């Protein structure tokens, strides 16, 4: 018997409605009736138009651009569900914003990630379901359970279909030293060798590539990262792999396509042949279309995770090959 709620109710704020609808299609259920708007001065207003008393409620919202507004929508909808006596509330956050300030890099820095974790908990969330946190230790910032799904298996299955496992003409490349563990796991799934791009970051959103650790000459390479923001690091890495390393061509993939500022233009003009993203963040409406950018849907994996959370069965099996 499931004691925490009678049924599943899925609601969504405004940041990624197509993904929310895809998750509901997987679950064979309707998206909960709600409305998220704003008052004239910009204050967020949320209304739930169906009862949630005793229900197992899942609220889908990526805290992407506009980050502050989307975060407030999530917090206020959680509060609305809590005050309506929901049995359990799970915040489904495909892209978790404010994840890059997870430590004090210098004196008097905030730890914004911990603050946001506290806000979500205090608003009334009982657990969090997310994907590819910028740093795994962020799970420990919460005093509630956090399930951090992985995008790597989705990319691995895609490239295994496209190029085959163990293809010696391909290599996986980590775009920086900090992503080595993630890239190593990805390379292991594809049974491919790995290289590393060593870079020195001069200032925020800018970097200088120094050298390549590993032999990528005459190889097709797959750059594997967790997010693409302004795309400076990714495009510089691609240029180094071709011009310095002698790679034949460059494919790239990342879980979260933030795509801020000059990102799309940089990608269009770069050595990257194709950039594969997950739809944790919708394509920015203020950016021109780019035929190099493709998407894989995470709706099935989130739908399955929601099902298993409701049934209180293991989620870890989602990561098995």
Foldseek 3Di string as FASTA:
>chain_A
DQQLADEEAEEEDDFFVVLSVLLCVLVVHDHFDKDWDADPVGHIDIDGDDQQARHEYEYEFACAVVNVSRLNSQLVVLLVNVVSHHSAYEYEHAHHPLQPQCDPPDPPDDRSLLVSLVSNVVSPHQEYEYEDRVDPCSCVSHPHHYHYHYPLVVVLVVVCVVPNAPPAQEEEEELEPVCVVVRVVSCVSRVHHYKYFYWAAPDPPAIGTDAIGDAQASHEYEYEEAEQALCRSVQNSQCCCCVVRNHPAYEYEHAYYSNDDNNQVSVQPGRHQAYEYEVSGPDDPPDDDHPRYYYDYCSNLVSVVVVCVSVVHDSVVVPDD
